Amino acid sequence: MTDPKHTRRVEPTSDGVRVVTKRLRDLYDYRSASILEREYPGLFVSTVPKKGGPERVRIASAARYGGSSRWQIHGANGIYAEVPIKERELSAAEQAWVDKGLVNRNANSVIEFTIPYPEELRSAIAEQDLSRFDCLEAVIEDHDRRHEVLTKMQERIESERLRANQLHPREGIITDVDPEWDPENDHNDDRTRDHLYDMAGMRKDAHLQDFRPVAGFGYWAFWYARARLVEVHEPDLKAWDLLGLDVVDREDWSYCRECGAVAPDESFLRVDLERRDMIQRVCDRCADQQADHDRCKTYTPENVAAARDQRAQKAGGQRNLAGEYGQ
């Protein structure tokens, strides 16, 4: 009897590994780790766009190189292995696995590709040695130039994402924005906050579109893989809600863990949650919204008020008899 073989697996070959996955959309979904990334954290897969569907994939690394900070990209991240993919019928062992399961019983094919040994691939990327494997490529082959272009492009993307975050009509916290982007500035009488937010969003989207042609893969594919690698765990936020504050020289800023709004760290409340043994960093809007919600049992008006008292005391102020905070 044939031993069943999983239809998602990484298995050794004579000169590398074979990656097998159930369907093509597994390779499209950058928001989830591929089977390759689960086995070898940091190595992410990106499809090469082609009319009628991709025929090749690129495997790059989201690892931090050369002293890069938590979110910073490096020139080495712009090196990738490009290999063909193929769809084939299930082997007898894979068919046995499908027959054994309760889902995907109609599956009749898998997607597979082969790459060099992942440890050796990682080493070649870290050393920026494009000659080690024939499949290694980079859009910009010169290492210094590639590093300069990718880091500057990321700075532009994160700067626009920061601006759009601050100008968000409901969740944004406007702090230290350039006068031409401040809706309260007299020069912006004809531009509402919504208008400025839309402008910032369009600029951000334009830079995101510019990233793939010079990097060889989409920005979000890199970003989500880096988030998994540095083990960011935010149950109420997605990876693209988080900003690279270290990329735009805002290391002393932070974000609301409910909505993702960014501001100087001291701006946020630290609310001692009920029924949960944790202190939540949260903006005033979210704290009030949660405390006023009848079904929310973790935020209460009392613990939100206590968090405001604590913040005021740290800033050297206090609450007056009217319940207002001042210096």
Protein backbone atom coordinates (compact mmCIF):
# COMPACT_ATOMS: atom_id res chain seq x y z
CA MET A 1 0.00 0.00 0.00
CA THR A 2 1.33 3.48 -0.92
CA ASP A 3 2.22 5.69 2.04
CA PRO A 4 0.31 9.00 1.79
CA LYS A 5 2.31 12.16 1.01
CA HIS A 6 1.04 15.60 2.03
CA THR A 7 0.15 17.87 -0.86
CA ARG A 8 1.96 20.72 0.91
CA ARG A 9 5.55 19.77 1.68
CA VAL A 10 9.25 20.50 1.22
CA GLU A 11 11.36 17.47 0.35
CA PRO A 12 15.06 17.07 -0.46
CA THR A 13 16.37 16.40 -3.96
CA SER A 14 19.90 15.58 -5.13
CA ASP A 15 20.87 19.25 -5.37
CA GLY A 16 18.28 21.16 -3.37
CA VAL A 17 14.67 20.89 -2.27
CA ARG A 18 11.36 20.44 -4.01
CA VAL A 19 8.48 22.60 -2.84
CA VAL A 20 5.00 21.18 -3.39
CA THR A 21 1.81 23.10 -2.70
CA LYS A 22 -1.86 22.41 -3.33
CA ARG A 23 -2.77 25.25 -5.64
CA LEU A 24 -1.46 28.36 -7.32
CA ARG A 25 -3.25 30.73 -4.99
CA ASP A 26 -1.05 29.45 -2.14
CA LEU A 27 1.82 31.28 -3.87
CA TYR A 28 -0.20 34.46 -4.42
CA ASP A 29 -1.13 34.92 -0.76
CA TYR A 30 1.71 36.94 0.76
CA ARG A 31 -0.34 37.47 3.92
CA SER A 32 0.27 33.84 4.94
CA ALA A 33 3.55 31.97 5.12
CA SER A 34 4.10 29.50 2.30
CA ILE A 35 5.11 25.94 3.12
CA LEU A 36 8.68 26.93 2.22
CA GLU A 37 8.65 29.85 4.67
CA ARG A 38 7.22 27.66 7.42
CA GLU A 39 10.16 25.31 7.04
CA TYR A 40 12.73 28.07 6.43
CA PRO A 41 11.60 31.33 8.09
CA GLY A 42 12.46 34.48 6.18
CA LEU A 43 12.38 32.93 2.71
CA PHE A 44 9.27 34.21 0.97
CA VAL A 45 7.77 33.38 -2.42
CA SER A 46 6.55 35.91 -4.98
CA THR A 47 5.00 35.06 -8.35
CA VAL A 48 6.25 36.61 -11.59
CA PRO A 49 3.21 38.20 -13.27
CA LYS A 50 2.38 36.79 -16.69
CA LYS A 51 -0.68 36.86 -18.92
CA GLY A 52 -2.61 33.67 -18.40
CA GLY A 53 -1.00 33.01 -15.03
CA PRO A 54 2.53 32.84 -13.64
CA GLU A 55 5.02 30.29 -14.87
CA ARG A 56 7.85 31.30 -12.56
CA VAL A 57 8.36 32.30 -8.93
CA ARG A 58 10.97 34.31 -7.09
CA ILE A 59 12.27 33.31 -3.68
CA ALA A 60 13.77 36.18 -1.70
CA SER A 61 14.80 36.72 1.91
CA ALA A 62 13.18 39.05 4.43
CA ALA A 63 16.12 38.68 6.86
CA ARG A 64 17.86 41.73 8.33
CA TYR A 65 21.31 42.40 6.93
CA GLY A 66 24.11 44.83 7.65
CA GLY A 67 22.74 46.20 10.90
CA SER A 68 19.33 47.05 9.43
CA SER A 69 16.72 48.03 11.99
CA ARG A 70 13.48 46.16 12.65
CA TRP A 71 11.72 47.15 9.42
CA GLN A 72 14.53 48.47 7.21
CA ILE A 73 15.19 46.85 3.87
CA HIS A 74 18.76 46.16 2.71
CA GLY A 75 20.28 45.71 -0.72
CA ALA A 76 20.65 41.97 -0.04
CA ASN A 77 16.85 41.72 0.25
CA GLY A 78 16.72 42.60 -3.45
CA ILE A 79 18.41 39.34 -4.48
CA TYR A 80 16.17 36.42 -5.35
CA ALA A 81 16.18 32.98 -6.94
CA GLU A 82 13.92 32.78 -9.98
CA VAL A 83 12.75 29.29 -10.92
CA PRO A 84 9.98 27.79 -13.07
CA ILE A 85 6.85 26.25 -11.57
CA LYS A 86 4.76 23.49 -13.01
CA GLU A 87 1.37 21.99 -12.39
CA ARG A 88 1.25 18.21 -12.48
CA GLU A 89 -1.15 15.42 -11.68
CA LEU A 90 -1.19 13.90 -8.23
CA SER A 91 1.18 11.04 -7.59
CA ALA A 92 -0.20 7.85 -6.11
CA ALA A 93 1.07 8.87 -2.67
CA GLU A 94 -0.51 12.32 -2.94
CA GLN A 95 -3.77 10.81 -4.17
CA ALA A 96 -3.73 8.57 -1.11
CA TRP A 97 -3.39 11.68 1.08
CA VAL A 98 -6.27 13.43 -0.70
CA ASP A 99 -8.48 10.35 -0.40
CA LYS A 100 -7.68 10.13 3.28
CA GLY A 101 -8.75 13.72 4.00
CA LEU A 102 -12.15 15.33 4.48
CA VAL A 103 -11.46 18.39 2.31
CA ASN A 104 -10.08 18.94 -1.21
CA ARG A 105 -11.23 15.48 -2.28
CA ASN A 106 -11.72 16.83 -5.81
CA ALA A 107 -8.08 17.90 -6.10
CA ASN A 108 -6.30 16.26 -9.00
CA SER A 109 -3.09 18.29 -9.32
CA VAL A 110 -0.39 20.15 -7.35
CA ILE A 111 2.05 22.99 -8.04
CA GLU A 112 5.78 22.39 -7.56
CA PHE A 113 9.17 24.03 -8.02
CA THR A 114 12.75 23.24 -7.00
CA ILE A 115 15.42 25.50 -5.54
CA PRO A 116 18.97 25.04 -4.20
CA TYR A 117 19.34 24.00 -0.57
CA PRO A 118 17.73 26.83 1.43
CA GLU A 119 20.67 27.18 3.84
CA GLU A 120 23.04 27.65 0.89
CA LEU A 121 20.59 30.02 -0.77
CA ARG A 122 20.38 32.11 2.39
CA SER A 123 24.18 32.23 2.59
CA ALA A 124 24.53 33.36 -1.03
CA ILE A 125 21.95 36.13 -0.52
CA ALA A 126 23.59 37.30 2.71
CA GLU A 127 26.97 37.49 0.95
CA GLN A 128 25.32 39.02 -2.15
CA ASP A 129 27.01 36.40 -4.31
CA LEU A 130 24.94 36.33 -7.50
CA SER A 131 27.33 33.90 -9.16
CA ARG A 132 26.85 31.06 -6.68
CA PHE A 133 23.69 29.73 -8.35
CA ASP A 134 22.45 30.21 -11.90
CA CYS A 135 18.97 31.02 -10.61
CA LEU A 136 20.12 33.98 -8.48
CA GLU A 137 19.16 37.36 -9.93
CA ALA A 138 18.63 40.99 -9.01
CA VAL A 139 16.98 43.79 -10.97
CA ILE A 140 19.90 46.05 -10.01
CA GLU A 141 23.08 43.98 -10.04
CA ASP A 142 25.44 46.54 -8.47
CA HIS A 143 25.24 45.97 -4.71
CA ASP A 144 25.78 49.55 -3.53
CA ARG A 145 23.38 50.97 -6.08
CA ARG A 146 20.73 48.37 -5.26
CA HIS A 147 20.99 49.14 -1.55
CA GLU A 148 20.72 52.87 -2.17
CA VAL A 149 17.69 52.56 -4.44
CA LEU A 150 15.77 50.11 -2.23
CA THR A 151 16.37 52.01 1.01
CA LYS A 152 15.41 55.36 -0.50
CA MET A 153 12.31 53.87 -2.08
CA GLN A 154 11.29 52.34 1.24
CA GLU A 155 11.77 55.69 2.96
CA ARG A 156 9.42 57.32 0.44
CA ILE A 157 6.83 54.57 0.88
CA GLU A 158 6.91 54.72 4.67
CA SER A 159 6.87 58.53 4.69
CA GLU A 160 3.69 58.53 2.61
CA ARG A 161 2.17 55.77 4.71
CA LEU A 162 2.94 57.82 7.83
CA ARG A 163 1.27 60.90 6.32
CA ALA A 164 -1.80 58.93 5.25
CA ASN A 165 -2.03 57.37 8.72
CA GLN A 166 -1.97 60.79 10.39
CA LEU A 167 -4.54 62.28 8.02
CA HIS A 168 -7.02 59.42 8.33
CA PRO A 169 -10.38 61.19 8.85
CA ARG A 170 -11.44 59.07 11.85
CA GLU A 171 -8.38 57.35 13.28
CA GLY A 172 -5.50 59.69 12.43
CA ILE A 173 -3.63 61.76 15.02
CA ILE A 174 -2.19 64.87 13.41
CA THR A 175 1.18 65.56 15.02
CA ASP A 176 4.23 67.25 13.51
CA VAL A 177 2.98 67.33 9.91
CA ASP A 178 4.35 69.67 7.26
CA PRO A 179 2.28 72.89 6.95
CA GLU A 180 1.14 72.04 3.43
CA TRP A 181 -0.44 68.85 4.79
CA ASP A 182 -2.02 70.36 7.91
CA PRO A 183 -5.80 70.80 7.38
CA GLU A 184 -5.76 73.54 10.04
CA ASN A 185 -3.20 75.59 8.12
CA ASP A 186 -4.63 78.75 6.53
CA HIS A 187 -3.08 77.86 3.20
CA ASN A 188 -5.27 74.75 3.05
CA ASP A 189 -8.65 76.49 3.29
CA ASP A 190 -9.73 74.90 0.01
CA ARG A 191 -8.55 71.41 1.03
CA THR A 192 -10.40 69.36 3.61
CA ARG A 193 -8.79 66.67 5.70
CA ASP A 194 -10.48 64.06 3.52
CA HIS A 195 -8.98 65.65 0.42
CA LEU A 196 -5.47 65.71 1.92
CA TYR A 197 -5.88 62.11 3.06
CA ASP A 198 -6.86 61.03 -0.47
CA MET A 199 -3.84 62.86 -1.89
CA ALA A 200 -1.49 61.13 0.58
CA GLY A 201 -3.07 57.78 -0.26
CA MET A 202 -2.54 58.27 -3.98
CA ARG A 203 1.11 59.20 -3.44
CA LYS A 204 1.58 56.12 -1.25
CA ASP A 205 -0.02 53.85 -3.86
CA ALA A 206 2.17 55.32 -6.60
CA HIS A 207 5.35 54.55 -4.64
CA LEU A 208 4.10 51.02 -3.91
CA GLN A 209 3.59 50.48 -7.63
CA ASP A 210 7.13 51.73 -8.31
CA PHE A 211 8.66 49.21 -5.89
CA ARG A 212 8.17 45.95 -7.79
CA PRO A 213 10.04 46.99 -10.98
CA VAL A 214 13.22 47.79 -9.01
CA ALA A 215 12.97 45.09 -6.32
CA GLY A 216 11.61 42.19 -8.36
CA PHE A 217 8.68 41.55 -5.98
CA GLY A 218 5.87 43.48 -4.34
CA TYR A 219 6.45 45.57 -1.22
CA TRP A 220 3.77 43.79 0.78
CA ALA A 221 5.33 40.39 0.07
CA PHE A 222 8.53 41.63 1.74
CA TRP A 223 6.66 43.48 4.50
CA TYR A 224 4.51 40.55 5.61
CA ALA A 225 7.49 38.19 5.55
CA ARG A 226 9.53 40.63 7.68
CA ALA A 227 6.63 40.97 10.12
CA ARG A 228 6.53 37.18 10.53
CA LEU A 229 10.29 37.00 10.89
CA VAL A 230 10.48 39.62 13.67
CA GLU A 231 7.44 37.96 15.26
CA VAL A 232 5.00 40.86 15.36
CA HIS A 233 1.82 39.72 17.11
CA GLU A 234 -1.06 42.19 16.91
CA PRO A 235 -4.43 40.41 17.07
CA ASP A 236 -6.40 43.55 16.16
CA LEU A 237 -4.13 44.77 13.35
CA LYS A 238 -2.81 43.45 10.06
CA ALA A 239 0.81 43.78 9.03
CA TRP A 240 0.05 46.56 6.56
CA ASP A 241 -1.52 48.56 9.41
CA LEU A 242 1.92 48.79 11.02
CA LEU A 243 4.40 51.46 9.94
CA GLY A 244 8.17 51.34 9.73
CA LEU A 245 8.66 54.15 12.22
CA ASP A 246 12.37 53.32 12.45
CA VAL A 247 12.62 53.85 8.68
CA VAL A 248 11.34 57.44 8.90
CA ASP A 249 13.29 58.47 12.03
CA ARG A 250 10.33 58.16 14.40
CA GLU A 251 11.85 55.64 16.79
CA ASP A 252 10.32 57.51 19.75
CA TRP A 253 6.83 57.18 18.28
CA SER A 254 4.46 54.27 18.70
CA TYR A 255 1.02 53.10 17.57
CA CYS A 256 -2.40 52.33 18.96
CA ARG A 257 -2.83 48.58 19.29
CA GLU A 258 -6.53 48.88 18.47
CA CYS A 259 -6.56 51.02 15.30
CA GLY A 260 -2.89 51.49 14.30
CA ALA A 261 -2.82 55.30 14.60
CA VAL A 262 0.72 56.61 15.19
CA ALA A 263 1.95 59.46 17.40
CA PRO A 264 4.69 60.18 19.93
CA ASP A 265 4.75 57.35 22.46
CA GLU A 266 3.79 59.57 25.39
CA SER A 267 0.53 60.48 23.63
CA PHE A 268 -0.99 57.05 24.21
CA LEU A 269 -2.87 55.73 27.19
CA ARG A 270 -1.79 52.58 29.00
CA VAL A 271 -5.08 51.02 30.02
CA ASP A 272 -5.13 48.20 32.59
CA LEU A 273 -7.70 45.90 31.01
CA GLU A 274 -10.39 44.13 32.96
CA ARG A 275 -10.58 40.31 32.70
CA ARG A 276 -7.22 40.22 30.94
CA ASP A 277 -3.84 40.37 32.60
CA MET A 278 -2.34 43.04 30.35
CA ILE A 279 -1.76 46.76 29.86
CA GLN A 280 -2.99 47.96 26.46
CA ARG A 281 -1.37 50.88 24.62
CA VAL A 282 -4.26 52.71 23.01
CA CYS A 283 -5.24 56.12 21.66
CA ASP A 284 -7.88 58.28 23.36
CA ARG A 285 -10.45 57.72 20.62
CA CYS A 286 -10.28 53.94 20.85
CA ALA A 287 -10.20 53.97 24.65
CA ASP A 288 -13.37 56.06 24.84
CA GLN A 289 -15.05 54.08 22.09
CA GLN A 290 -14.35 50.78 23.81
CA ALA A 291 -15.32 52.05 27.27
CA ASP A 292 -18.65 53.36 25.93
CA HIS A 293 -19.47 50.09 24.19
CA ASP A 294 -22.02 48.06 26.14
CA ARG A 295 -20.56 44.72 25.06
CA CYS A 296 -16.94 45.56 25.83
CA LYS A 297 -16.03 44.20 29.25
CA THR A 298 -12.27 44.84 29.16
CA TYR A 299 -12.36 48.66 28.98
CA THR A 300 -14.28 50.62 31.59
CA PRO A 301 -14.66 54.38 32.11
CA GLU A 302 -12.80 53.95 35.40
CA ASN A 303 -9.69 52.25 34.02
CA VAL A 304 -9.57 54.67 31.06
CA ALA A 305 -9.75 57.62 33.47
CA ALA A 306 -6.99 56.06 35.59
CA ALA A 307 -4.83 55.75 32.46
CA ARG A 308 -5.40 59.45 31.68
CA ASP A 309 -4.41 60.36 35.23
CA GLN A 310 -1.22 58.34 34.88
CA ARG A 311 -0.37 59.97 31.55
CA ALA A 312 -0.97 63.45 32.96
CA GLN A 313 1.22 62.73 35.99
CA LYS A 314 4.05 61.56 33.76
CA ALA A 315 3.76 64.79 31.78
CA GLY A 316 3.85 66.82 34.98
CA GLY A 317 0.17 67.73 34.94
CA GLN A 318 -2.95 66.72 36.79
CA ARG A 319 -6.71 66.58 36.48
CA ASN A 320 -8.62 69.57 37.85
CA LEU A 321 -12.00 69.56 39.63
CA ALA A 322 -13.80 69.85 36.31
CA GLY A 323 -12.19 66.63 35.18
CA GLU A 324 -9.92 68.34 32.65
CA TYR A 325 -6.17 67.74 32.36
CA GLY A 326 -3.61 70.52 32.37
CA GLN A 327 0.06 71.26 32.99
